[in-house]
Amino acid sequence: MNNQRLDQTDHMVGRDKSSRAAVALILPPIVGMVSGTLTWLLLAGISVWTWLAVTPGVLIGLLAFAKTLERAIINNDTVEGFVTVDALNSLTGGEKLVTYGPGVHFCFPWEQRSAKNVVYLGTSDEEFKGPIQCKDGLVNIKGSFRLRANICDLPAFISGLGSMAGDFSSLFIADLVNHLSKKEVRWVLKNVKDLNDFLKRKYIEEVDGTMVTSDLEKRYGILLEDVTISEITADKELTETIGVQAEMKIIAAAVINFICTTRGINRKEYKKLVATGDITKEEQGVIRDRIMAASGNLQGMRLGQETYVIDIRGLDKIDPELAKAVTSAAQLYAAHQNTRSRK
């Protein structure tokens, strides 16, 4: 990952550091001497003995020196940035917002400071979620993204602090809607990793490692470090429909395996017998019902009591290989039902 996304240091900030250092070293002594001298002259001018005026003059001079020096130094924590307002530059039409990174720095004493302009440079987590309309239904997506302030553009970060999270969330959902509009819900539910790769390539880094910077990052002065989808769920009715479709496929496969086992044929021969009518729909239906009954899962089946009894009782009269095939197919279906119920 690009070092800029990890290291937020003051050397990345562009400001006139040499001029600020010179002023910080020269101005405090001058202010101290001038203040002390003026105090001494004032007291001497009102007939205070000269030697008595020296002490207040020295004290006032030292105090003025200390205060000016304090105003000429900024001390930030390890993961902290600070933005000041250069009052002098603002009067002359120059750059009025000045950024300082972690550590101790010289500044102009006339720069205005405010606690609300202190910026945390570490990573913060935000969540996003929303409905996505796919080709055959609706899914709900939930995820998170991590971001941090870009030390190179802290003024933009401060100005957009209240709305950036919502704008990024809306952007992610909009891109996913566009990306998944032609995908089926079943594909979406199975391919969370692919969707996370899609978001990574679009917002973090491309396949060749090139870092991506979106327009929204530039606007808000932030660095996006990660975007991850953590959960995808389908609507209850759609989930049930998908489950039914999966059951139908498993039952159909179990019926084919059962007939192939009992007749000693392969799937290719099975298709030929179905086409010629040697394997009828009635036979397939009876076998399907027996598999359902043997598995203990009759949900959705509308069997009459007579059919159910015949199916169950009939199992103990078939040959061992046939019973084994029925049991194997039923267990396959029952395992699917149990897995679904745990979800």
C-alpha atoms as a PDB file:
ATOM      1  CA  MET A   1       0.000   0.000   0.000  1.00  0.00           C
ATOM      2  CA  ASN A   2       1.109   3.521  -0.720  1.00  0.00           C
ATOM      3  CA  ASN A   3       3.122   4.948   2.195  1.00  0.00           C
ATOM      4  CA  GLN A   4       0.945   8.038   2.156  1.00  0.00           C
ATOM      5  CA  ARG A   5      -1.949   5.893   3.288  1.00  0.00           C
ATOM      6  CA  LEU A   6       0.068   4.662   6.263  1.00  0.00           C
ATOM      7  CA  ASP A   7       2.435   7.486   7.234  1.00  0.00           C
ATOM      8  CA  GLN A   8       0.999  10.875   8.054  1.00  0.00           C
ATOM      9  CA  THR A   9       4.084  12.956   8.848  1.00  0.00           C
ATOM     10  CA  ASP A  10       4.763  16.674   8.840  1.00  0.00           C
ATOM     11  CA  HIS A  11       7.326  16.475   6.040  1.00  0.00           C
ATOM     12  CA  MET A  12       4.383  15.855   3.672  1.00  0.00           C
ATOM     13  CA  VAL A  13       2.952  19.303   4.471  1.00  0.00           C
ATOM     14  CA  GLY A  14       3.919  22.225   2.285  1.00  0.00           C
ATOM     15  CA  ARG A  15       4.460  25.453   4.283  1.00  0.00           C
ATOM     16  CA  ASP A  16       7.257  27.998   4.711  1.00  0.00           C
ATOM     17  CA  LYS A  17       9.068  26.329   7.602  1.00  0.00           C
ATOM     18  CA  SER A  18      12.302  28.361   7.407  1.00  0.00           C
ATOM     19  CA  SER A  19      10.517  31.728   7.730  1.00  0.00           C
ATOM     20  CA  ARG A  20       8.549  30.461  10.710  1.00  0.00           C
ATOM     21  CA  ALA A  21      11.695  29.163  12.386  1.00  0.00           C
ATOM     22  CA  ALA A  22      13.458  32.513  11.873  1.00  0.00           C
ATOM     23  CA  VAL A  23      10.560  34.504  13.294  1.00  0.00           C
ATOM     24  CA  ALA A  24      10.209  32.125  16.262  1.00  0.00           C
ATOM     25  CA  LEU A  25      13.907  32.554  17.154  1.00  0.00           C
ATOM     26  CA  ILE A  26      14.169  36.320  16.596  1.00  0.00           C
ATOM     27  CA  LEU A  27      10.797  37.795  17.558  1.00  0.00           C
ATOM     28  CA  PRO A  28      10.422  36.581  21.202  1.00  0.00           C
ATOM     29  CA  PRO A  29      13.735  38.168  22.384  1.00  0.00           C
ATOM     30  CA  ILE A  30      12.861  41.398  20.603  1.00  0.00           C
ATOM     31  CA  VAL A  31       9.376  41.482  22.131  1.00  0.00           C
ATOM     32  CA  GLY A  32      10.857  40.725  25.558  1.00  0.00           C
ATOM     33  CA  MET A  33      13.447  43.501  25.356  1.00  0.00           C
ATOM     34  CA  VAL A  34      11.019  46.064  23.985  1.00  0.00           C
ATOM     35  CA  SER A  35       8.405  45.241  26.629  1.00  0.00           C
ATOM     36  CA  GLY A  36      10.943  45.406  29.449  1.00  0.00           C
ATOM     37  CA  THR A  37      12.414  48.681  28.210  1.00  0.00           C
ATOM     38  CA  LEU A  38       9.029  50.325  27.773  1.00  0.00           C
ATOM     39  CA  THR A  39       8.021  49.237  31.267  1.00  0.00           C
ATOM     40  CA  TRP A  40      11.219  50.676  32.741  1.00  0.00           C
ATOM     41  CA  LEU A  41      10.784  53.969  30.860  1.00  0.00           C
ATOM     42  CA  LEU A  42       7.171  54.241  31.935  1.00  0.00           C
ATOM     43  CA  LEU A  43       7.970  53.737  35.574  1.00  0.00           C
ATOM     44  CA  ALA A  44      10.968  56.070  35.403  1.00  0.00           C
ATOM     45  CA  GLY A  45       8.793  58.689  33.716  1.00  0.00           C
ATOM     46  CA  ILE A  46       6.405  58.812  36.663  1.00  0.00           C
ATOM     47  CA  SER A  47       9.227  59.526  39.112  1.00  0.00           C
ATOM     48  CA  VAL A  48       9.766  55.959  40.307  1.00  0.00           C
ATOM     49  CA  TRP A  49      13.356  55.543  41.316  1.00  0.00           C
ATOM     50  CA  THR A  50      15.340  54.118  38.491  1.00  0.00           C
ATOM     51  CA  TRP A  51      16.605  51.094  40.383  1.00  0.00           C
ATOM     52  CA  LEU A  52      13.069  50.243  41.492  1.00  0.00           C
ATOM     53  CA  ALA A  53      11.851  50.360  37.875  1.00  0.00           C
ATOM     54  CA  VAL A  54      14.391  47.769  36.704  1.00  0.00           C
ATOM     55  CA  THR A  55      12.801  44.802  38.460  1.00  0.00           C
ATOM     56  CA  PRO A  56       9.291  45.253  36.996  1.00  0.00           C
ATOM     57  CA  GLY A  57      10.860  45.934  33.622  1.00  0.00           C
ATOM     58  CA  VAL A  58      12.816  42.675  33.709  1.00  0.00           C
ATOM     59  CA  LEU A  59       9.802  40.672  34.859  1.00  0.00           C
ATOM     60  CA  ILE A  60       7.545  42.151  32.200  1.00  0.00           C
ATOM     61  CA  GLY A  61      10.229  41.551  29.576  1.00  0.00           C
ATOM     62  CA  LEU A  62      10.627  37.880  30.569  1.00  0.00           C
ATOM     63  CA  LEU A  63       6.862  37.371  30.601  1.00  0.00           C
ATOM     64  CA  ALA A  64       6.482  38.914  27.137  1.00  0.00           C
ATOM     65  CA  PHE A  65       9.356  36.742  25.866  1.00  0.00           C
ATOM     66  CA  ALA A  66       7.766  33.543  27.259  1.00  0.00           C
ATOM     67  CA  LYS A  67       4.306  34.348  25.890  1.00  0.00           C
ATOM     68  CA  THR A  68       5.615  35.194  22.429  1.00  0.00           C
ATOM     69  CA  LEU A  69       7.754  32.054  22.354  1.00  0.00           C
ATOM     70  CA  GLU A  70       4.742  29.973  23.414  1.00  0.00           C
ATOM     71  CA  ARG A  71       2.724  31.453  20.541  1.00  0.00           C
ATOM     72  CA  ALA A  72       5.561  30.571  18.147  1.00  0.00           C
ATOM     73  CA  ILE A  73       5.553  26.836  18.898  1.00  0.00           C
ATOM     74  CA  ILE A  74       2.964  24.147  18.084  1.00  0.00           C
ATOM     75  CA  ASN A  75       3.183  20.712  19.731  1.00  0.00           C
ATOM     76  CA  ASN A  76       1.009  17.901  18.276  1.00  0.00           C
ATOM     77  CA  ASP A  77       0.618  14.313  19.449  1.00  0.00           C
ATOM     78  CA  THR A  78       1.856  11.322  17.439  1.00  0.00           C
ATOM     79  CA  VAL A  79      -1.334  10.902  15.379  1.00  0.00           C
ATOM     80  CA  GLU A  80      -2.556  14.474  15.464  1.00  0.00           C
ATOM     81  CA  GLY A  81      -2.696  17.319  12.980  1.00  0.00           C
ATOM     82  CA  PHE A  82      -3.583  20.964  13.509  1.00  0.00           C
ATOM     83  CA  VAL A  83      -4.860  23.728  11.222  1.00  0.00           C
ATOM     84  CA  THR A  84      -4.286  27.406  12.083  1.00  0.00           C
ATOM     85  CA  VAL A  85      -5.460  30.633  10.474  1.00  0.00           C
ATOM     86  CA  ASP A  86      -2.681  32.964   9.341  1.00  0.00           C
ATOM     87  CA  ALA A  87      -4.309  36.283  10.210  1.00  0.00           C
ATOM     88  CA  LEU A  88      -1.630  38.345   8.462  1.00  0.00           C
ATOM     89  CA  ASN A  89      -1.921  36.365   5.217  1.00  0.00           C
ATOM     90  CA  SER A  90      -5.702  36.564   5.309  1.00  0.00           C
ATOM     91  CA  LEU A  91      -5.427  40.365   5.296  1.00  0.00           C
ATOM     92  CA  THR A  92      -3.086  40.352   2.320  1.00  0.00           C
ATOM     93  CA  GLY A  93      -5.006  37.734   0.309  1.00  0.00           C
ATOM     94  CA  GLY A  94      -2.484  34.910   0.809  1.00  0.00           C
ATOM     95  CA  GLU A  95      -2.970  31.345   2.025  1.00  0.00           C
ATOM     96  CA  LYS A  96      -4.711  31.708   5.362  1.00  0.00           C
ATOM     97  CA  LEU A  97      -5.086  28.056   6.452  1.00  0.00           C
ATOM     98  CA  VAL A  98      -1.850  26.409   7.578  1.00  0.00           C
ATOM     99  CA  THR A  99      -1.404  22.711   8.415  1.00  0.00           C
ATOM    100  CA  TYR A 100       0.927  21.204  11.032  1.00  0.00           C
ATOM    101  CA  GLY A 101       1.568  17.481  11.434  1.00  0.00           C
ATOM    102  CA  PRO A 102       2.662  15.374  14.426  1.00  0.00           C
ATOM    103  CA  GLY A 103       5.540  16.697  16.530  1.00  0.00           C
ATOM    104  CA  VAL A 104       6.900  20.111  17.562  1.00  0.00           C
ATOM    105  CA  HIS A 105       6.958  22.932  14.995  1.00  0.00           C
ATOM    106  CA  PHE A 106       7.673  26.648  14.735  1.00  0.00           C
ATOM    107  CA  CYS A 107       4.827  28.891  13.637  1.00  0.00           C
ATOM    108  CA  PHE A 108       4.075  32.589  13.320  1.00  0.00           C
ATOM    109  CA  PRO A 109       2.882  33.996  16.669  1.00  0.00           C
ATOM    110  CA  TRP A 110      -0.007  35.763  14.965  1.00  0.00           C
ATOM    111  CA  GLU A 111      -1.553  32.521  13.660  1.00  0.00           C
ATOM    112  CA  GLN A 112      -4.976  31.972  15.213  1.00  0.00           C
ATOM    113  CA  ARG A 113      -5.645  28.649  16.913  1.00  0.00           C
ATOM    114  CA  SER A 114      -8.844  26.776  17.740  1.00  0.00           C
ATOM    115  CA  ALA A 115      -9.394  23.414  19.460  1.00  0.00           C
ATOM    116  CA  LYS A 116     -11.978  22.427  16.820  1.00  0.00           C
ATOM    117  CA  ASN A 117      -9.211  22.447  14.194  1.00  0.00           C
ATOM    118  CA  VAL A 118      -7.323  19.580  15.848  1.00  0.00           C
ATOM    119  CA  VAL A 119      -7.545  16.521  13.562  1.00  0.00           C
ATOM    120  CA  TYR A 120      -7.017  12.870  14.481  1.00  0.00           C
ATOM    121  CA  LEU A 121      -4.814  11.259  11.827  1.00  0.00           C
ATOM    122  CA  GLY A 122      -5.506   7.639  12.732  1.00  0.00           C
ATOM    123  CA  THR A 123      -7.986   5.290  11.078  1.00  0.00           C
ATOM    124  CA  SER A 124     -11.710   5.438  11.809  1.00  0.00           C
ATOM    125  CA  ASP A 125     -14.354   2.850  10.900  1.00  0.00           C
ATOM    126  CA  GLU A 126     -17.688   3.610   9.280  1.00  0.00           C
ATOM    127  CA  GLU A 127     -20.551   1.323   8.215  1.00  0.00           C
ATOM    128  CA  PHE A 128     -22.657   1.256   5.087  1.00  0.00           C
ATOM    129  CA  LYS A 129     -25.738  -0.774   4.237  1.00  0.00           C
ATOM    130  CA  GLY A 130     -28.618  -0.759   1.815  1.00  0.00           C
ATOM    131  CA  PRO A 131     -30.861  -2.768  -0.512  1.00  0.00           C
ATOM    132  CA  ILE A 132     -29.557  -3.889  -3.901  1.00  0.00           C
ATOM    133  CA  GLN A 133     -31.919  -4.784  -6.738  1.00  0.00           C
ATOM    134  CA  CYS A 134     -30.560  -7.792  -8.629  1.00  0.00           C
ATOM    135  CA  LYS A 135     -31.858  -9.451 -11.770  1.00  0.00           C
ATOM    136  CA  ASP A 136     -34.316 -11.712  -9.967  1.00  0.00           C
ATOM    137  CA  GLY A 137     -34.800 -10.151  -6.557  1.00  0.00           C
ATOM    138  CA  LEU A 138     -33.629  -7.898  -3.760  1.00  0.00           C
ATOM    139  CA  VAL A 139     -30.676  -8.394  -1.399  1.00  0.00           C
ATOM    140  CA  ASN A 140     -29.542  -6.378   1.593  1.00  0.00           C
ATOM    141  CA  ILE A 141     -25.849  -5.613   1.863  1.00  0.00           C
ATOM    142  CA  LYS A 142     -23.980  -4.574   4.985  1.00  0.00           C
ATOM    143  CA  GLY A 143     -20.323  -3.581   5.112  1.00  0.00           C
ATOM    144  CA  SER A 144     -17.743  -1.196   6.506  1.00  0.00           C
ATOM    145  CA  PHE A 145     -14.993   1.086   5.300  1.00  0.00           C
ATOM    146  CA  ARG A 146     -11.919   2.556   6.944  1.00  0.00           C
ATOM    147  CA  LEU A 147     -10.612   6.007   6.282  1.00  0.00           C
ATOM    148  CA  ARG A 148      -8.255   8.598   7.690  1.00  0.00           C
ATOM    149  CA  ALA A 149      -7.646  12.285   7.186  1.00  0.00           C
ATOM    150  CA  ASN A 150      -5.184  13.205   4.447  1.00  0.00           C
ATOM    151  CA  ILE A 151      -2.557  15.365   6.129  1.00  0.00           C
ATOM    152  CA  CYS A 152      -1.920  17.090   2.802  1.00  0.00           C
ATOM    153  CA  ASP A 153      -5.465  18.468   2.766  1.00  0.00           C
ATOM    154  CA  LEU A 154      -6.717  18.888   6.333  1.00  0.00           C
ATOM    155  CA  PRO A 155      -8.758  22.057   5.596  1.00  0.00           C
ATOM    156  CA  ALA A 156     -10.940  20.061   3.180  1.00  0.00           C
ATOM    157  CA  PHE A 157     -11.286  17.298   5.772  1.00  0.00           C
ATOM    158  CA  ILE A 158     -12.444  19.724   8.462  1.00  0.00           C
ATOM    159  CA  SER A 159     -14.972  21.405   6.181  1.00  0.00           C
ATOM    160  CA  GLY A 160     -16.585  18.114   5.069  1.00  0.00           C
ATOM    161  CA  LEU A 161     -16.432  16.185   8.328  1.00  0.00           C
ATOM    162  CA  GLY A 162     -20.184  16.070   8.850  1.00  0.00           C
ATOM    163  CA  SER A 163     -21.244  14.620   5.486  1.00  0.00           C
ATOM    164  CA  MET A 164     -18.393  12.489   4.157  1.00  0.00           C
ATOM    165  CA  ALA A 165     -19.486   9.185   5.740  1.00  0.00           C
ATOM    166  CA  GLY A 166     -22.974   9.410   4.253  1.00  0.00           C
ATOM    167  CA  ASP A 167     -21.648  10.369   0.823  1.00  0.00           C
ATOM    168  CA  PHE A 168     -19.232   7.436   0.743  1.00  0.00           C
ATOM    169  CA  SER A 169     -21.970   5.021   1.842  1.00  0.00           C
ATOM    170  CA  SER A 170     -24.259   6.256  -0.925  1.00  0.00           C
ATOM    171  CA  LEU A 171     -21.444   5.931  -3.464  1.00  0.00           C
ATOM    172  CA  PHE A 172     -20.679   2.307  -2.527  1.00  0.00           C
ATOM    173  CA  ILE A 173     -24.343   1.288  -2.682  1.00  0.00           C
ATOM    174  CA  ALA A 174     -24.831   3.055  -6.023  1.00  0.00           C
ATOM    175  CA  ASP A 175     -21.822   1.269  -7.559  1.00  0.00           C
ATOM    176  CA  LEU A 176     -23.004  -2.092  -6.238  1.00  0.00           C
ATOM    177  CA  VAL A 177     -26.493  -1.498  -7.641  1.00  0.00           C
ATOM    178  CA  ASN A 178     -24.982  -0.828 -11.063  1.00  0.00           C
ATOM    179  CA  HIS A 179     -22.616  -3.804 -10.790  1.00  0.00           C
ATOM    180  CA  LEU A 180     -25.247  -6.309  -9.645  1.00  0.00           C
ATOM    181  CA  SER A 181     -28.273  -5.217 -11.677  1.00  0.00           C
ATOM    182  CA  LYS A 182     -27.775  -8.113 -14.121  1.00  0.00           C
ATOM    183  CA  LYS A 183     -26.648 -10.691 -11.555  1.00  0.00           C
ATOM    184  CA  GLU A 184     -28.926 -13.304 -10.018  1.00  0.00           C
ATOM    185  CA  VAL A 185     -29.453 -13.335  -6.271  1.00  0.00           C
ATOM    186  CA  ARG A 186     -28.012 -16.835  -5.976  1.00  0.00           C
ATOM    187  CA  TRP A 187     -24.738 -15.622  -7.548  1.00  0.00           C
ATOM    188  CA  VAL A 188     -24.571 -12.587  -5.267  1.00  0.00           C
ATOM    189  CA  LEU A 189     -25.054 -14.682  -2.124  1.00  0.00           C
ATOM    190  CA  LYS A 190     -22.216 -17.015  -3.133  1.00  0.00           C
ATOM    191  CA  ASN A 191     -19.693 -14.425  -4.312  1.00  0.00           C
ATOM    192  CA  VAL A 192     -19.000 -12.024  -1.444  1.00  0.00           C
ATOM    193  CA  LYS A 193     -15.266 -12.331  -2.111  1.00  0.00           C
ATOM    194  CA  ASP A 194     -15.694 -11.275  -5.749  1.00  0.00           C
ATOM    195  CA  LEU A 195     -17.693  -8.238  -4.660  1.00  0.00           C
ATOM    196  CA  ASN A 196     -15.007  -7.262  -2.161  1.00  0.00           C
ATOM    197  CA  ASP A 197     -12.388  -7.606  -4.888  1.00  0.00           C
ATOM    198  CA  PHE A 198     -14.536  -5.366  -7.103  1.00  0.00           C
ATOM    199  CA  LEU A 199     -14.657  -2.650  -4.417  1.00  0.00           C
ATOM    200  CA  LYS A 200     -10.946  -2.977  -3.737  1.00  0.00           C
ATOM    201  CA  ARG A 201      -9.992  -2.527  -7.415  1.00  0.00           C
ATOM    202  CA  LYS A 202     -12.326   0.437  -7.770  1.00  0.00           C
ATOM    203  CA  TYR A 203     -11.442   2.335  -4.588  1.00  0.00           C
ATOM    204  CA  ILE A 204      -8.173   1.066  -3.053  1.00  0.00           C
ATOM    205  CA  GLU A 205      -5.707  -0.347  -5.578  1.00  0.00           C
ATOM    206  CA  GLU A 206      -5.744  -1.848  -9.032  1.00  0.00           C
ATOM    207  CA  VAL A 207      -4.519  -5.334  -9.921  1.00  0.00           C
ATOM    208  CA  ASP A 208      -1.006  -4.044 -10.690  1.00  0.00           C
ATOM    209  CA  GLY A 209      -0.783  -2.345  -7.276  1.00  0.00           C
ATOM    210  CA  THR A 210      -1.471   1.183  -8.524  1.00  0.00           C
ATOM    211  CA  MET A 211      -3.232   3.167  -5.802  1.00  0.00           C
ATOM    212  CA  VAL A 212      -6.658   4.570  -6.623  1.00  0.00           C
ATOM    213  CA  THR A 213      -7.814   7.995  -5.437  1.00  0.00           C
ATOM    214  CA  SER A 214     -11.468   8.781  -6.027  1.00  0.00           C
ATOM    215  CA  ASP A 215     -12.929  12.220  -6.606  1.00  0.00           C
ATOM    216  CA  LEU A 216     -14.730  11.955  -3.283  1.00  0.00           C
ATOM    217  CA  GLU A 217     -11.429  11.406  -1.459  1.00  0.00           C
ATOM    218  CA  LYS A 218     -10.021  14.548  -3.065  1.00  0.00           C
ATOM    219  CA  ARG A 219     -13.120  16.547  -2.206  1.00  0.00           C
ATOM    220  CA  TYR A 220     -13.088  15.608   1.464  1.00  0.00           C
ATOM    221  CA  GLY A 221      -9.334  15.373   2.018  1.00  0.00           C
ATOM    222  CA  ILE A 222      -9.345  11.762   3.168  1.00  0.00           C
ATOM    223  CA  LEU A 223      -7.558   8.508   2.378  1.00  0.00           C
ATOM    224  CA  LEU A 224      -9.741   5.422   1.960  1.00  0.00           C
ATOM    225  CA  GLU A 225      -7.895   2.382   3.314  1.00  0.00           C
ATOM    226  CA  ASP A 226     -10.395  -0.441   2.961  1.00  0.00           C
ATOM    227  CA  VAL A 227     -13.942  -1.267   1.835  1.00  0.00           C
ATOM    228  CA  THR A 228     -15.413  -4.620   2.876  1.00  0.00           C
ATOM    229  CA  ILE A 229     -18.808  -6.260   2.546  1.00  0.00           C
ATOM    230  CA  SER A 230     -19.444  -8.336   5.654  1.00  0.00           C
ATOM    231  CA  GLU A 231     -22.983  -9.606   5.137  1.00  0.00           C
ATOM    232  CA  ILE A 232     -25.429 -10.232   2.296  1.00  0.00           C
ATOM    233  CA  THR A 233     -28.958 -11.432   2.947  1.00  0.00           C
ATOM    234  CA  ALA A 234     -31.953 -11.984   0.719  1.00  0.00           C
ATOM    235  CA  ASP A 235     -35.552 -11.200   1.603  1.00  0.00           C
ATOM    236  CA  LYS A 236     -37.317 -13.971   3.505  1.00  0.00           C
ATOM    237  CA  GLU A 237     -39.687 -14.896   0.683  1.00  0.00           C
ATOM    238  CA  LEU A 238     -36.870 -14.957  -1.838  1.00  0.00           C
ATOM    239  CA  THR A 239     -34.718 -17.080   0.479  1.00  0.00           C
ATOM    240  CA  GLU A 240     -37.517 -19.614   0.776  1.00  0.00           C
ATOM    241  CA  THR A 241     -37.927 -19.682  -2.999  1.00  0.00           C
ATOM    242  CA  ILE A 242     -34.219 -20.296  -3.489  1.00  0.00           C
ATOM    243  CA  GLY A 243     -34.367 -23.043  -0.885  1.00  0.00           C
ATOM    244  CA  VAL A 244     -37.248 -24.741  -2.653  1.00  0.00           C
ATOM    245  CA  GLN A 245     -35.380 -24.584  -5.950  1.00  0.00           C
ATOM    246  CA  ALA A 246     -32.321 -26.153  -4.331  1.00  0.00           C
ATOM    247  CA  GLU A 247     -34.481 -28.895  -2.830  1.00  0.00           C
ATOM    248  CA  MET A 248     -36.010 -29.648  -6.198  1.00  0.00           C
ATOM    249  CA  LYS A 249     -32.568 -30.080  -7.736  1.00  0.00           C
ATOM    250  CA  ILE A 250     -31.400 -32.366  -4.925  1.00  0.00           C
ATOM    251  CA  ILE A 251     -34.540 -34.502  -5.098  1.00  0.00           C
ATOM    252  CA  ALA A 252     -34.287 -34.761  -8.884  1.00  0.00           C
ATOM    253  CA  ALA A 253     -30.649 -35.867  -8.591  1.00  0.00           C
ATOM    254  CA  ALA A 254     -31.584 -38.382  -5.873  1.00  0.00           C
ATOM    255  CA  VAL A 255     -34.306 -39.886  -8.093  1.00  0.00           C
ATOM    256  CA  ILE A 256     -31.877 -40.295 -10.985  1.00  0.00           C
ATOM    257  CA  ASN A 257     -29.226 -41.884  -8.746  1.00  0.00           C
ATOM    258  CA  PHE A 258     -31.818 -44.247  -7.285  1.00  0.00           C
ATOM    259  CA  ILE A 259     -33.097 -45.448 -10.677  1.00  0.00           C
ATOM    260  CA  CYS A 260     -29.581 -45.791 -12.083  1.00  0.00           C
ATOM    261  CA  THR A 261     -28.526 -47.845  -9.050  1.00  0.00           C
ATOM    262  CA  THR A 262     -31.518 -50.170  -9.079  1.00  0.00           C
ATOM    263  CA  ARG A 263     -31.421 -50.719 -12.845  1.00  0.00           C
ATOM    264  CA  GLY A 264     -27.684 -50.871 -13.116  1.00  0.00           C
ATOM    265  CA  ILE A 265     -27.464 -48.140 -15.748  1.00  0.00           C
ATOM    266  CA  ASN A 266     -25.551 -44.911 -16.158  1.00  0.00           C
ATOM    267  CA  ARG A 267     -26.943 -41.401 -16.647  1.00  0.00           C
ATOM    268  CA  LYS A 268     -26.606 -41.527 -20.418  1.00  0.00           C
ATOM    269  CA  GLU A 269     -28.685 -44.711 -20.564  1.00  0.00           C
ATOM    270  CA  TYR A 270     -31.137 -43.153 -18.108  1.00  0.00           C
ATOM    271  CA  LYS A 271     -31.792 -40.251 -20.477  1.00  0.00           C
ATOM    272  CA  LYS A 272     -32.444 -42.653 -23.345  1.00  0.00           C
ATOM    273  CA  LEU A 273     -34.948 -44.667 -21.290  1.00  0.00           C
ATOM    274  CA  VAL A 274     -36.750 -41.484 -20.244  1.00  0.00           C
ATOM    275  CA  ALA A 275     -36.914 -40.364 -23.876  1.00  0.00           C
ATOM    276  CA  THR A 276     -38.344 -43.720 -25.018  1.00  0.00           C
ATOM    277  CA  GLY A 277     -40.847 -43.846 -22.158  1.00  0.00           C
ATOM    278  CA  ASP A 278     -39.330 -46.919 -20.494  1.00  0.00           C
ATOM    279  CA  ILE A 279     -38.882 -44.744 -17.393  1.00  0.00           C
ATOM    280  CA  THR A 280     -42.211 -43.018 -16.847  1.00  0.00           C
ATOM    281  CA  LYS A 281     -43.110 -39.896 -14.907  1.00  0.00           C
ATOM    282  CA  GLU A 282     -45.248 -42.023 -12.642  1.00  0.00           C
ATOM    283  CA  GLU A 283     -42.261 -44.157 -11.697  1.00  0.00           C
ATOM    284  CA  GLN A 284     -40.182 -41.073 -11.048  1.00  0.00           C
ATOM    285  CA  GLY A 285     -42.986 -39.612  -8.899  1.00  0.00           C
ATOM    286  CA  VAL A 286     -43.337 -42.725  -6.753  1.00  0.00           C
ATOM    287  CA  ILE A 287     -39.601 -42.894  -6.187  1.00  0.00           C
ATOM    288  CA  ARG A 288     -39.491 -39.209  -5.315  1.00  0.00           C
ATOM    289  CA  ASP A 289     -42.236 -39.713  -2.730  1.00  0.00           C
ATOM    290  CA  ARG A 290     -40.433 -42.691  -1.218  1.00  0.00           C
ATOM    291  CA  ILE A 291     -37.227 -40.687  -0.911  1.00  0.00           C
ATOM    292  CA  MET A 292     -39.107 -37.871   0.816  1.00  0.00           C
ATOM    293  CA  ALA A 293     -40.848 -40.272   3.180  1.00  0.00           C
ATOM    294  CA  ALA A 294     -37.681 -42.198   4.037  1.00  0.00           C
ATOM    295  CA  SER A 295     -35.839 -38.969   4.786  1.00  0.00           C
ATOM    296  CA  GLY A 296     -38.499 -37.864   7.259  1.00  0.00           C
ATOM    297  CA  ASN A 297     -38.938 -34.570   5.398  1.00  0.00           C
ATOM    298  CA  LEU A 298     -42.434 -34.255   3.989  1.00  0.00           C
ATOM    299  CA  GLN A 299     -42.566 -30.456   4.107  1.00  0.00           C
ATOM    300  CA  GLY A 300     -44.379 -29.177   1.073  1.00  0.00           C
ATOM    301  CA  MET A 301     -45.580 -32.670   0.078  1.00  0.00           C
ATOM    302  CA  ARG A 302     -49.322 -33.302  -0.122  1.00  0.00           C
ATOM    303  CA  LEU A 303     -49.370 -37.067   0.101  1.00  0.00           C
ATOM    304  CA  GLY A 304     -52.486 -38.972   1.017  1.00  0.00           C
ATOM    305  CA  GLN A 305     -52.278 -41.286   4.012  1.00  0.00           C
ATOM    306  CA  GLU A 306     -52.578 -44.324   1.765  1.00  0.00           C
ATOM    307  CA  THR A 307     -49.619 -43.295  -0.388  1.00  0.00           C
ATOM    308  CA  TYR A 308     -47.508 -42.571   2.670  1.00  0.00           C
ATOM    309  CA  VAL A 309     -48.233 -45.959   4.252  1.00  0.00           C
ATOM    310  CA  ILE A 310     -47.593 -47.826   1.028  1.00  0.00           C
ATOM    311  CA  ASP A 311     -44.297 -45.974   0.553  1.00  0.00           C
ATOM    312  CA  ILE A 312     -43.049 -46.710   4.068  1.00  0.00           C
ATOM    313  CA  ARG A 313     -44.234 -50.270   4.218  1.00  0.00           C
ATOM    314  CA  GLY A 314     -43.004 -50.950   0.760  1.00  0.00           C
ATOM    315  CA  LEU A 315     -39.441 -50.204   1.779  1.00  0.00           C
ATOM    316  CA  ASP A 316     -39.067 -53.382   3.845  1.00  0.00           C
ATOM    317  CA  LYS A 317     -40.121 -55.543   0.890  1.00  0.00           C
ATOM    318  CA  ILE A 318     -37.567 -54.388  -1.644  1.00  0.00           C
ATOM    319  CA  ASP A 319     -34.199 -56.029  -2.063  1.00  0.00           C
ATOM    320  CA  PRO A 320     -31.245 -54.785   0.050  1.00  0.00           C
ATOM    321  CA  GLU A 321     -29.582 -52.916  -2.809  1.00  0.00           C
ATOM    322  CA  LEU A 322     -32.795 -51.085  -3.583  1.00  0.00           C
ATOM    323  CA  ALA A 323     -33.344 -50.195   0.083  1.00  0.00           C
ATOM    324  CA  LYS A 324     -29.758 -48.994   0.303  1.00  0.00           C
ATOM    325  CA  ALA A 325     -30.268 -46.704  -2.696  1.00  0.00           C
ATOM    326  CA  VAL A 326     -33.468 -45.249  -1.215  1.00  0.00           C
ATOM    327  CA  THR A 327     -31.776 -44.654   2.135  1.00  0.00           C
ATOM    328  CA  SER A 328     -28.746 -43.032   0.499  1.00  0.00           C
ATOM    329  CA  ALA A 329     -30.897 -40.666  -1.540  1.00  0.00           C
ATOM    330  CA  ALA A 330     -33.089 -39.851   1.470  1.00  0.00           C
ATOM    331  CA  GLN A 331     -30.054 -39.090   3.623  1.00  0.00           C
ATOM    332  CA  LEU A 332     -28.757 -36.717   0.966  1.00  0.00           C
ATOM    333  CA  TYR A 333     -32.028 -34.799   0.979  1.00  0.00           C
ATOM    334  CA  ALA A 334     -32.334 -34.890   4.787  1.00  0.00           C
ATOM    335  CA  ALA A 335     -28.805 -33.492   5.145  1.00  0.00           C
ATOM    336  CA  HIS A 336     -29.758 -30.590   2.888  1.00  0.00           C
ATOM    337  CA  GLN A 337     -32.899 -29.926   4.948  1.00  0.00           C
ATOM    338  CA  ASN A 338     -30.928 -29.923   8.221  1.00  0.00           C
ATOM    339  CA  THR A 339     -28.324 -27.572   6.782  1.00  0.00           C
ATOM    340  CA  ARG A 340     -31.045 -25.206   5.630  1.00  0.00           C
ATOM    341  CA  SER A 341     -32.818 -25.257   9.020  1.00  0.00           C
ATOM    342  CA  ARG A 342     -29.567 -24.235  10.782  1.00  0.00           C
ATOM    343  CA  LYS A 343     -29.348 -21.177   8.539  1.00  0.00           C
END
